């Protein structure tokens, strides 16, 4: 089946469904256009990233070089270039960044419709799955957060590849070249696209009823490229973990812990899809025990058995799709930052939405044969659920309007997470409300006494308030907690320099340079302190 058939005069309803889908997604997600940047990675990834403010050929080449040699985490060179294009034409006006994200999400929703329609040849199932994908609250993080544009861009190319592959199987058309092109573009957008060849195999299973050796052999070149990007990602991830931060938990969990945490994460995503309430940009990591092993592991294993033995191939395919696409974002290779992020399930949610749409269609078909009143009730439930999702998504977009609302939302749900107080303190610091920021940093250290970044931020605020002795005490604590903390030595040296204690300042700059001999701020400040010390001696 081709696109021409989808939009033929005999099936013009599909075109109206796509237009209706786009309109509903736009109405639900459009409030993100009123939002700004937030202080969660946006400054590092976009606003203060020198690669974004330079669109020269040499800079673009350097971006690809650093990302493709494992020296940058995550591996997203094409996404960085897209930010550079946005900056080149629009500066740092957040409206345009959000507009690009919204446009990508709209395109992805339409691609989900086409993918499922070509796959299943059922308009209602395709429309319902695509609408759920487009308006569900779990998608808001990926759409509203500028830093998550990599997920949208990767999914865009990924879905184009899936649509082309399904058409290649169901028609006589050949799209191998373009499938390779979009696969590479997806990998360069975000390395989660390594799952693409396995997803193609799952499509083979759905459409042909089995996976043949010939099918596997045809995917070997794609699998090889996936393997290369997978290794690069592991190298880049390992390099990214070379800093102390209590929010990063990796080596603290055994392999068995990671398995059950992965079970928990997968079940959590499924729960959020069915009960679309209480979303947060971060979620706490569960404490593990034999009880939680049983609680999280058993339902996961039972659900796998149920779906794998299910007579409905749609249910098996949907589960397989979600498992394959979410696998790299589970925690078999370690945990970075947090156990769960909504954006991790952006692509993988398609499988679950396909199951839900298929199930709702089956319920309507079954009830129509027996009691039409039940059919009306089921249809009403579907409409109410969709309305509930749209309303909660609309509200969720408001939370992403600025950093204050974002972190207050986390604190309201998880008041024991120190990083939320730290980031809210950052918002107040940027707003010039230093004392509110200090109070929040005190709360951060109350929850996590070894949170070095909180001490660094405290010292910075005390320094700007002119309370140098308090700033010095804070940096002394930071150095005691981490002997390899460059910024602590640098800032402590700066305080001594302001106090006129140039030799102590030089000693601290030397400590920083012992850790990193090419650390430019320390080199420059050391030279300046040496000159002042020499002048003082000459006097």
Protein backbone atom coordinates (compact mmCIF):
# COMPACT_ATOMS: atom_id res chain seq x y z
CA UNK A 1 0.00 0.00 0.00
CA UNK A 2 1.34 3.43 -0.91
CA UNK A 3 0.72 6.96 0.30
CA UNK A 4 -1.19 7.58 -2.91
CA UNK A 5 -3.73 5.00 -1.86
CA UNK A 6 -4.07 6.56 1.58
CA UNK A 7 -5.05 9.89 0.04
CA UNK A 8 -7.09 8.50 -2.83
CA UNK A 9 -10.60 9.76 -3.44
CA UNK A 10 -11.97 6.48 -2.14
CA UNK A 11 -10.23 6.94 1.15
CA UNK A 12 -10.22 10.71 1.57
CA UNK A 13 -11.33 10.25 5.18
CA UNK A 14 -7.72 9.42 6.07
CA UNK A 15 -6.63 12.90 4.99
CA UNK A 16 -9.29 14.48 7.20
CA UNK A 17 -8.18 12.26 10.07
CA UNK A 18 -4.61 13.45 9.66
CA UNK A 19 -5.74 17.08 9.60
CA UNK A 20 -7.89 16.47 12.68
CA UNK A 21 -4.98 14.73 14.39
CA UNK A 22 -2.67 17.68 13.72
CA UNK A 23 -5.28 20.15 14.96
CA UNK A 24 -5.87 18.26 18.22
CA UNK A 25 -2.16 17.85 18.91
CA UNK A 26 -1.56 21.53 18.15
CA UNK A 27 -4.34 22.67 20.48
CA UNK A 28 -3.03 20.46 23.27
CA UNK A 29 0.67 21.24 23.01
CA UNK A 30 0.67 24.83 21.72
CA UNK A 31 1.12 26.43 25.20
CA UNK A 32 4.78 25.39 25.07
CA UNK A 33 5.29 28.29 22.64
CA UNK A 34 4.84 30.67 25.58
CA UNK A 35 7.57 28.99 27.60
CA UNK A 36 11.19 29.93 28.02
CA UNK A 37 14.37 28.01 28.65
CA UNK A 38 14.72 26.20 31.97
CA UNK A 39 17.85 25.80 34.08
CA UNK A 40 17.86 22.03 33.67
CA UNK A 41 20.54 21.39 31.02
CA UNK A 42 19.28 24.14 28.68
CA UNK A 43 22.16 26.47 29.68
CA UNK A 44 24.78 23.75 29.16
CA UNK A 45 23.33 22.18 26.03
CA UNK A 46 22.14 25.36 24.27
CA UNK A 47 22.61 28.76 25.90
CA UNK A 48 26.26 28.46 26.99
CA UNK A 49 27.35 25.89 24.46
CA UNK A 50 30.04 27.46 22.21
CA UNK A 51 29.24 24.89 19.51
CA UNK A 52 25.72 26.31 19.19
CA UNK A 53 26.79 29.90 18.58
CA UNK A 54 29.09 29.03 15.68
CA UNK A 55 27.76 27.71 12.37
CA UNK A 56 31.11 27.65 10.57
CA UNK A 57 32.16 24.58 8.60
CA UNK A 58 35.13 24.03 10.90
CA UNK A 59 32.91 24.12 13.99
CA UNK A 60 30.41 21.68 12.47
CA UNK A 61 33.29 19.35 11.60
CA UNK A 62 34.56 19.65 15.19
CA UNK A 63 31.10 18.82 16.56
CA UNK A 64 30.96 15.59 14.57
CA UNK A 65 34.56 14.75 15.45
CA UNK A 66 34.02 15.09 19.21
CA UNK A 67 30.72 13.23 19.21
CA UNK A 68 31.84 10.40 16.95
CA UNK A 69 35.02 9.71 18.91
CA UNK A 70 33.26 9.19 22.25
CA UNK A 71 34.43 12.52 23.70
CA UNK A 72 30.94 13.92 24.14
CA UNK A 73 27.94 12.56 26.00
CA UNK A 74 25.33 12.08 24.69
CA UNK A 75 26.22 11.44 21.04
CA UNK A 76 23.96 13.97 19.31
CA UNK A 77 25.97 15.85 16.65
CA UNK A 78 23.05 16.46 14.30
CA UNK A 79 20.95 17.85 17.16
CA UNK A 80 23.73 20.28 18.10
CA UNK A 81 23.93 21.43 14.48
CA UNK A 82 20.15 21.95 14.49
CA UNK A 83 20.53 24.16 17.60
CA UNK A 84 23.27 26.07 15.78
CA UNK A 85 20.91 26.65 12.85
CA UNK A 86 18.19 27.88 15.18
CA UNK A 87 20.62 30.23 16.89
CA UNK A 88 21.96 31.49 13.56
CA UNK A 89 18.50 32.60 12.42
CA UNK A 90 16.71 33.38 15.71
CA UNK A 91 19.34 33.93 18.39
CA UNK A 92 18.27 32.69 21.81
CA UNK A 93 14.58 33.55 21.46
CA UNK A 94 12.95 30.48 23.08
CA UNK A 95 9.80 30.81 20.97
CA UNK A 96 11.55 29.51 17.85
CA UNK A 97 13.18 26.58 19.64
CA UNK A 98 9.79 25.56 21.00
CA UNK A 99 8.22 26.04 17.58
CA UNK A 100 10.76 23.64 16.06
CA UNK A 101 10.01 21.11 18.81
CA UNK A 102 6.26 21.44 18.29
CA UNK A 103 6.64 21.05 14.52
CA UNK A 104 8.72 17.91 14.99
CA UNK A 105 6.15 16.47 17.38
CA UNK A 106 3.33 17.18 14.93
CA UNK A 107 5.28 15.45 12.16
CA UNK A 108 5.97 12.49 14.45
CA UNK A 109 2.28 12.11 15.29
CA UNK A 110 1.42 12.04 11.57
CA UNK A 111 4.22 9.53 10.95
CA UNK A 112 2.85 7.30 13.72
CA UNK A 113 -0.52 7.40 11.96
CA UNK A 114 1.03 6.44 8.61
CA UNK A 115 3.23 3.74 10.16
CA UNK A 116 0.38 1.99 11.94
CA UNK A 117 -2.01 2.48 9.03
CA UNK A 118 0.42 0.88 6.58
CA UNK A 119 1.17 -1.82 9.15
CA UNK A 120 -2.38 -2.72 10.17
CA UNK A 121 -4.54 -1.11 7.41
CA UNK A 122 -7.09 0.11 9.95
CA UNK A 123 -7.91 3.83 10.10
CA UNK A 124 -9.45 3.87 13.58
CA UNK A 125 -6.55 2.01 15.21
CA UNK A 126 -4.00 4.20 13.40
CA UNK A 127 -5.79 7.42 14.32
CA UNK A 128 -6.35 6.49 17.95
CA UNK A 129 -2.75 5.33 18.48
CA UNK A 130 -1.39 8.47 16.79
CA UNK A 131 -3.71 10.72 18.80
CA UNK A 132 -2.64 9.11 22.06
CA UNK A 133 0.97 9.56 21.00
CA UNK A 134 0.33 13.20 20.20
CA UNK A 135 -1.64 14.34 23.25
CA UNK A 136 -0.61 12.07 26.13
CA UNK A 137 1.01 13.90 29.11
CA UNK A 138 4.00 11.56 29.11
CA UNK A 139 5.10 13.26 25.86
CA UNK A 140 5.11 16.81 27.27
CA UNK A 141 8.66 16.64 28.59
CA UNK A 142 10.08 15.71 25.19
CA UNK A 143 8.08 18.45 23.46
CA UNK A 144 8.34 21.30 25.99
CA UNK A 145 11.98 20.90 27.02
CA UNK A 146 14.39 22.40 24.50
CA UNK A 147 17.19 20.04 25.55
CA UNK A 148 14.97 17.06 24.64
CA UNK A 149 14.79 18.13 21.00
CA UNK A 150 17.20 15.29 20.29
CA UNK A 151 14.46 12.79 21.14
CA UNK A 152 12.05 14.46 18.73
CA UNK A 153 14.59 14.67 15.91
CA UNK A 154 15.74 11.09 16.36
CA UNK A 155 12.15 9.81 16.42
CA UNK A 156 11.35 11.81 13.28
CA UNK A 157 14.01 10.04 11.21
CA UNK A 158 13.36 6.72 12.96
CA UNK A 159 9.67 6.79 12.03
CA UNK A 160 10.39 7.77 8.44
CA UNK A 161 12.57 4.68 8.24
CA UNK A 162 9.81 2.48 9.67
CA UNK A 163 7.23 3.86 7.23
CA UNK A 164 9.56 3.27 4.28
CA UNK A 165 10.35 -0.26 5.45
CA UNK A 166 6.69 -1.22 5.85
CA UNK A 167 5.94 0.15 2.38
CA UNK A 168 8.87 -1.79 0.98
CA UNK A 169 7.44 -5.02 2.39
CA UNK A 170 3.82 -4.36 1.42
CA UNK A 171 4.54 -2.99 -2.07
CA UNK A 172 7.06 -3.63 -4.80
CA UNK A 173 8.86 -0.35 -4.07
CA UNK A 174 12.51 -0.37 -2.99
CA UNK A 175 13.67 2.12 -0.38
CA UNK A 176 16.88 0.53 0.93
CA UNK A 177 19.00 3.61 0.19
CA UNK A 178 16.63 6.01 1.93
CA UNK A 179 16.19 3.63 4.87
CA UNK A 180 19.97 3.77 5.33
CA UNK A 181 19.97 7.55 5.05
CA UNK A 182 17.29 8.13 7.70
CA UNK A 183 18.83 5.48 9.98
CA UNK A 184 22.16 7.31 9.93
CA UNK A 185 20.41 10.64 10.53
CA UNK A 186 18.52 9.12 13.46
CA UNK A 187 21.78 7.80 14.97
CA UNK A 188 23.40 11.22 14.57
CA UNK A 189 20.40 12.81 16.32
CA UNK A 190 20.53 10.44 19.30
CA UNK A 191 22.18 7.07 19.63
CA UNK A 192 19.01 5.43 20.98
CA UNK A 193 18.36 4.74 17.28
CA UNK A 194 20.68 1.70 17.61
CA UNK A 195 17.45 -0.28 18.13
CA UNK A 196 16.28 0.42 14.57
CA UNK A 197 17.41 -2.90 12.98
CA UNK A 198 15.71 -4.89 15.76
CA UNK A 199 12.52 -2.90 15.24
CA UNK A 200 12.66 -3.82 11.55
CA UNK A 201 12.90 -7.47 12.56
CA UNK A 202 9.84 -7.07 14.79
CA UNK A 203 7.98 -5.65 11.76
CA UNK A 204 9.05 -8.73 9.77
CA UNK A 205 7.59 -10.88 12.54
CA UNK A 206 4.31 -8.95 12.52
CA UNK A 207 3.79 -8.86 8.76
CA UNK A 208 5.24 -12.25 7.81
CA UNK A 209 4.51 -14.24 10.94
CA UNK A 210 8.14 -15.25 11.42
CA UNK A 211 11.72 -14.02 11.26
CA UNK A 212 13.78 -15.85 8.64
CA UNK A 213 17.55 -16.14 8.32
CA UNK A 214 17.30 -14.16 5.12
CA UNK A 215 15.61 -11.35 7.04
CA UNK A 216 18.29 -11.41 9.72
CA UNK A 217 21.12 -11.45 7.16
CA UNK A 218 19.64 -8.41 5.41
CA UNK A 219 19.86 -6.49 8.71
CA UNK A 220 23.49 -7.41 9.46
CA UNK A 221 24.99 -4.19 7.99
CA UNK A 222 22.49 -2.12 9.98
CA UNK A 223 23.26 -4.15 13.10
CA UNK A 224 26.99 -3.57 12.63
CA UNK A 225 26.47 0.18 12.50
CA UNK A 226 24.25 -0.04 15.58
CA UNK A 227 26.99 -1.96 17.38
CA UNK A 228 29.57 0.73 16.56
CA UNK A 229 27.32 3.50 17.87
CA UNK A 230 26.46 1.41 20.91
CA UNK A 231 30.14 1.04 21.81
CA UNK A 232 30.74 4.76 21.26
CA UNK A 233 27.80 5.55 23.54
CA UNK A 234 29.14 3.30 26.31
CA UNK A 235 32.56 4.96 26.04
CA UNK A 236 31.02 8.45 26.12
CA UNK A 237 28.80 7.47 29.05
CA UNK A 238 31.74 6.14 31.03
CA UNK A 239 33.65 9.36 30.43
CA UNK A 240 30.61 11.39 31.53
CA UNK A 241 30.55 9.68 34.92
CA UNK A 242 33.92 11.04 36.02
CA UNK A 243 32.47 13.54 38.47
CA UNK A 244 31.08 13.23 42.01
CA UNK A 245 27.37 13.90 42.26
CA UNK A 246 24.90 12.11 44.57
CA UNK A 247 22.24 12.39 41.86
CA UNK A 248 24.27 9.97 39.71
CA UNK A 249 23.92 6.35 40.81
CA UNK A 250 25.75 3.78 38.72
CA UNK A 251 28.16 1.47 40.50
CA UNK A 252 25.90 1.24 43.56
CA UNK A 253 23.58 -1.30 41.94
CA UNK A 254 24.38 -4.92 41.18
CA UNK A 255 23.31 -6.62 37.96
CA UNK A 256 20.34 -8.24 39.69
CA UNK A 257 19.36 -4.83 41.08
CA UNK A 258 19.49 -3.36 37.61
CA UNK A 259 17.29 -6.10 36.21
CA UNK A 260 14.54 -5.46 38.74
CA UNK A 261 14.95 -1.70 38.49
CA UNK A 262 14.46 -2.11 34.75
CA UNK A 263 11.31 -4.14 35.43
CA UNK A 264 10.11 -1.37 37.72
CA UNK A 265 10.87 1.32 35.14
CA UNK A 266 9.02 -0.52 32.38
CA UNK A 267 5.99 -1.10 34.61
CA UNK A 268 6.11 2.52 35.75
CA UNK A 269 5.90 3.75 32.17
CA UNK A 270 2.97 1.44 31.49
CA UNK A 271 1.22 2.67 34.62
CA UNK A 272 1.72 6.32 33.61
CA UNK A 273 0.23 5.61 30.18
CA UNK A 274 -2.93 4.16 31.70
CA UNK A 275 -3.13 6.56 34.67
CA UNK A 276 -1.86 9.86 33.20
CA UNK A 277 -1.39 11.78 36.46
CA UNK A 278 1.42 13.27 38.57
CA UNK A 279 4.17 13.69 36.02
CA UNK A 280 7.56 15.05 37.03
CA UNK A 281 10.80 15.88 35.23
CA UNK A 282 12.61 13.54 37.65
CA UNK A 283 11.50 10.62 39.78
CA UNK A 284 13.24 9.12 42.83
CA UNK A 285 15.09 5.82 42.59
CA UNK A 286 13.29 3.10 44.51
CA UNK A 287 14.94 1.37 47.46
CA UNK A 288 15.41 -2.28 46.65
CA UNK A 289 14.54 -5.23 48.85
CA UNK A 290 13.29 -8.79 48.42
CA UNK A 291 9.78 -7.37 48.63
CA UNK A 292 10.37 -4.95 45.75
CA UNK A 293 12.06 -7.72 43.75
CA UNK A 294 8.85 -9.74 44.03
CA UNK A 295 6.64 -6.70 43.49
CA UNK A 296 8.34 -5.50 40.31
CA UNK A 297 9.71 -8.72 38.87
CA UNK A 298 6.63 -10.93 39.04
CA UNK A 299 4.19 -8.67 37.14
CA UNK A 300 6.83 -8.03 34.50
CA UNK A 301 7.44 -11.73 33.92
CA UNK A 302 3.70 -12.54 33.98
CA UNK A 303 2.92 -9.75 31.51
CA UNK A 304 5.64 -10.98 29.18
CA UNK A 305 4.29 -14.51 29.31
CA UNK A 306 0.73 -13.29 28.75
CA UNK A 307 1.55 -11.13 25.76
CA UNK A 308 3.94 -13.60 24.18
CA UNK A 309 1.24 -16.27 24.37
CA UNK A 310 -1.52 -13.88 23.32
CA UNK A 311 -3.35 -14.97 20.16
CA UNK A 312 -3.45 -11.30 19.06
CA UNK A 313 -0.31 -10.54 17.07
CA UNK A 314 -0.98 -6.83 17.60
CA UNK A 315 -0.47 -7.26 21.35
CA UNK A 316 2.76 -9.20 20.83
CA UNK A 317 4.10 -6.69 18.34
CA UNK A 318 3.21 -3.69 20.49
CA UNK A 319 4.98 -5.14 23.52
CA UNK A 320 7.99 -6.17 21.44
CA UNK A 321 8.20 -2.70 19.88
CA UNK A 322 8.16 -1.01 23.29
CA UNK A 323 10.68 -3.42 24.82
CA UNK A 324 13.11 -3.10 21.91
CA UNK A 325 12.98 0.70 21.71
CA UNK A 326 13.16 1.32 25.47
CA UNK A 327 15.89 -1.26 26.16
CA UNK A 328 18.86 1.15 25.80
CA UNK A 329 17.19 3.53 28.26
CA UNK A 330 16.72 0.84 30.90
CA UNK A 331 19.47 0.15 33.38
CA UNK A 332 21.26 -3.04 32.50
CA UNK A 333 24.44 -1.05 31.82
CA UNK A 334 24.11 1.29 34.81
CA UNK A 335 22.00 4.19 35.95
CA UNK A 336 22.73 7.77 34.98
CA UNK A 337 20.98 10.72 36.62
CA UNK A 338 17.70 8.97 37.41
CA UNK A 339 15.81 5.74 37.00
CA UNK A 340 13.00 7.18 34.90
CA UNK A 341 12.50 10.14 32.60
CA UNK A 342 9.28 10.70 30.66
CA UNK A 343 11.20 11.50 27.48
CA UNK A 344 12.84 8.06 27.52
CA UNK A 345 9.47 6.57 26.60
CA UNK A 346 8.70 8.99 23.78
CA UNK A 347 9.44 6.52 20.99
CA UNK A 348 8.70 3.36 22.96
CA UNK A 349 5.21 4.58 23.84
CA UNK A 350 4.09 3.86 20.27
CA UNK A 351 3.98 0.13 21.00
CA UNK A 352 1.78 0.60 24.06
CA UNK A 353 -0.48 3.06 22.26
CA UNK A 354 -0.86 0.53 19.45
CA UNK A 355 -1.97 -2.10 21.97
CA UNK A 356 -4.40 0.30 23.64
CA UNK A 357 -5.88 1.40 20.31
CA UNK A 358 -6.20 -2.21 19.15
CA UNK A 359 -7.80 -3.21 22.44
CA UNK A 360 -10.31 -0.36 22.30
CA UNK A 361 -11.20 -1.25 18.72
CA UNK A 362 -11.70 -4.89 19.70
CA UNK A 363 -13.91 -3.87 22.61
CA UNK A 364 -16.06 -1.73 20.31
CA UNK A 365 -16.29 -4.51 17.72
CA UNK A 366 -17.20 -7.12 20.32
CA UNK A 367 -19.81 -5.00 22.11
CA UNK A 368 -21.49 -3.97 18.84
CA UNK A 369 -22.38 -7.59 18.17
CA UNK A 370 -24.20 -7.98 21.45
CA UNK A 371 -25.40 -4.84 23.22
CA UNK A 372 -25.21 -1.53 21.40
CA UNK A 373 -25.60 0.39 24.66
CA UNK A 374 -22.33 -1.09 25.85
CA UNK A 375 -20.77 0.08 22.61
CA UNK A 376 -21.85 3.64 23.41
CA UNK A 377 -20.43 3.31 26.93
CA UNK A 378 -17.08 2.08 25.64
CA UNK A 379 -16.92 4.85 23.06
CA UNK A 380 -17.73 7.39 25.78
CA UNK A 381 -14.93 5.98 27.95
CA UNK A 382 -12.50 6.35 25.04
CA UNK A 383 -13.51 9.95 24.43
CA UNK A 384 -13.30 10.77 28.14
CA UNK A 385 -9.85 9.19 28.41
CA UNK A 386 -8.62 11.17 25.42
CA UNK A 387 -10.07 14.36 26.88
CA UNK A 388 -8.45 13.60 30.23
CA UNK A 389 -5.08 13.11 28.53
CA UNK A 390 -5.42 16.33 26.54
CA UNK A 391 -6.41 18.34 29.61
CA UNK A 392 -3.53 17.00 31.70
CA UNK A 393 -1.07 17.61 28.86
CA UNK A 394 -2.31 21.19 28.54
CA UNK A 395 -1.74 21.66 32.28
CA UNK A 396 1.63 19.94 32.12
CA UNK A 397 2.84 22.39 29.48
CA UNK A 398 2.29 25.19 32.00
CA UNK A 399 4.72 23.51 34.39
CA UNK A 400 7.45 23.77 31.79
CA UNK A 401 6.92 27.52 31.36
CA UNK A 402 9.90 28.38 33.58
CA UNK A 403 12.31 26.86 36.09
CA UNK A 404 10.35 28.03 39.11
CA UNK A 405 7.20 26.13 38.16
CA UNK A 406 9.21 23.13 36.96
CA UNK A 407 11.04 22.56 40.24
CA UNK A 408 8.13 23.50 42.48
CA UNK A 409 6.21 20.72 40.72
CA UNK A 410 8.93 18.22 41.61
CA UNK A 411 9.13 19.43 45.22
CA UNK A 412 5.36 19.19 45.56
CA UNK A 413 5.44 15.51 44.61
CA UNK A 414 8.87 14.41 45.88
CA UNK A 415 9.96 16.75 48.70
CA UNK A 416 12.94 14.56 49.60
CA UNK A 417 14.84 15.03 46.32
CA UNK A 418 17.78 17.44 46.93
CA UNK A 419 18.45 18.23 43.27
CA UNK A 420 15.07 19.95 42.91
CA UNK A 421 15.93 22.42 45.71
CA UNK A 422 19.35 22.97 44.16
CA UNK A 423 17.87 23.86 40.78
CA UNK A 424 15.14 26.02 42.28
CA UNK A 425 17.88 27.85 44.15
CA UNK A 426 19.53 28.40 40.77
CA UNK A 427 16.35 30.05 39.52
CA UNK A 428 16.26 32.46 42.47
CA UNK A 429 19.98 33.19 42.07
CA UNK A 430 19.48 34.13 38.42
CA UNK A 431 16.54 36.31 39.51
CA UNK A 432 18.75 38.15 42.01
CA UNK A 433 16.99 36.78 45.10
CA UNK A 434 20.15 35.55 46.84
CA UNK A 435 18.63 34.91 50.26
CA UNK A 436 15.84 32.69 48.91
CA UNK A 437 18.54 30.82 46.99
CA UNK A 438 20.63 30.36 50.14
CA UNK A 439 17.61 29.01 52.06
CA UNK A 440 16.98 26.44 49.34
CA UNK A 441 20.64 25.43 49.29
CA UNK A 442 20.48 24.89 53.05
CA UNK A 443 17.53 22.57 52.43
CA UNK A 444 19.53 20.80 49.73
CA UNK A 445 22.40 20.12 52.14
CA UNK A 446 19.99 19.07 54.86
CA UNK A 447 18.77 16.31 52.53
CA UNK A 448 22.21 15.50 51.08
CA UNK A 449 25.12 16.76 53.23
CA UNK A 450 27.71 15.72 50.62
CA UNK A 451 26.18 17.51 47.66
CA UNK A 452 29.30 19.36 46.50
CA UNK A 453 27.55 21.46 43.88
CA UNK A 454 25.33 22.92 46.61
CA UNK A 455 28.43 24.03 48.54
CA UNK A 456 29.90 25.57 45.40
CA UNK A 457 26.71 27.52 44.74
CA UNK A 458 26.59 28.67 48.36
CA UNK A 459 30.16 29.91 48.12
CA UNK A 460 29.41 31.77 44.92
CA UNK A 461 26.45 33.58 46.50
CA UNK A 462 28.36 34.47 49.69
CA UNK A 463 31.17 35.82 47.50
CA UNK A 464 28.77 38.05 45.57
CA UNK A 465 27.23 39.25 48.85
CA UNK A 466 30.72 40.20 50.06
CA UNK A 467 30.63 37.62 52.88
CA UNK A 468 34.09 36.29 52.08
CA UNK A 469 34.70 34.36 55.30
CA UNK A 470 31.47 32.40 54.88
CA UNK A 471 32.35 31.74 51.26
CA UNK A 472 35.79 30.51 52.33
CA UNK A 473 34.29 28.13 54.89
CA UNK A 474 31.98 26.68 52.27
CA UNK A 475 34.79 26.10 49.76
CA UNK A 476 36.92 24.52 52.49
CA UNK A 477 34.12 22.02 53.01
CA UNK A 478 33.85 21.39 49.27
CA UNK A 479 37.60 20.71 49.03
CA UNK A 480 37.45 18.37 52.02
CA UNK A 481 34.69 16.38 50.33
CA UNK A 482 36.41 16.27 46.94
CA UNK A 483 40.14 16.77 46.63
CA UNK A 484 39.85 16.91 42.83
CA UNK A 485 37.32 19.69 42.60
CA UNK A 486 38.74 22.28 40.20
CA UNK A 487 36.10 24.94 40.82
CA UNK A 488 36.47 24.75 44.60
CA UNK A 489 40.21 25.42 44.39
CA UNK A 490 39.70 28.14 41.80
CA UNK A 491 37.03 29.96 43.80
CA UNK A 492 38.92 29.59 47.06
CA UNK A 493 41.94 31.09 45.30
CA UNK A 494 39.77 33.97 44.09
CA UNK A 495 38.67 34.72 47.65
CA UNK A 496 42.26 34.78 48.88
CA UNK A 497 43.16 37.10 45.99
CA UNK A 498 40.37 39.52 46.95
CA UNK A 499 41.61 39.39 50.54
CA UNK A 500 45.09 40.29 49.27
CA UNK A 501 46.55 36.93 50.30
CA UNK A 502 48.16 36.35 46.93
CA UNK A 503 50.45 33.48 47.90
CA UNK A 504 47.50 31.48 49.26
CA UNK A 505 45.63 32.32 46.09
CA UNK A 506 48.53 31.03 43.98
CA UNK A 507 48.69 27.84 46.05
CA UNK A 508 45.03 27.14 45.32
CA UNK A 509 45.44 27.86 41.62
CA UNK A 510 48.36 25.43 41.62
CA UNK A 511 46.16 22.77 43.22
CA UNK A 512 43.66 23.22 40.41
CA UNK A 513 46.44 23.07 37.80
CA UNK A 514 47.84 19.88 39.33
CA UNK A 515 44.49 18.30 38.49
CA UNK A 516 44.17 19.91 35.06
CA UNK A 517 47.33 21.69 33.79
CA UNK A 518 45.39 23.34 30.94
CA UNK A 519 42.62 24.80 33.14
CA UNK A 520 42.48 28.30 31.65
CA UNK A 521 40.75 30.20 34.51
CA UNK A 522 43.37 28.96 36.96
CA UNK A 523 46.23 29.79 34.58
CA UNK A 524 44.98 33.33 34.01
CA UNK A 525 44.17 34.04 37.67
CA UNK A 526 47.49 32.59 38.80
CA UNK A 527 49.39 34.90 36.46
CA UNK A 528 47.43 37.89 37.72
CA UNK A 529 48.03 36.93 41.38
CA UNK A 530 51.75 36.48 40.72
CA UNK A 531 51.97 39.96 39.20
CA UNK A 532 50.20 41.50 42.19
CA UNK A 533 52.39 39.58 44.62
CA UNK A 534 55.50 40.80 42.77
CA UNK A 535 54.29 44.40 42.87
CA UNK A 536 53.54 44.06 46.57
CA UNK A 537 57.02 42.66 47.23
CA UNK A 538 58.68 45.46 45.27
CA UNK A 539 56.82 48.02 47.34
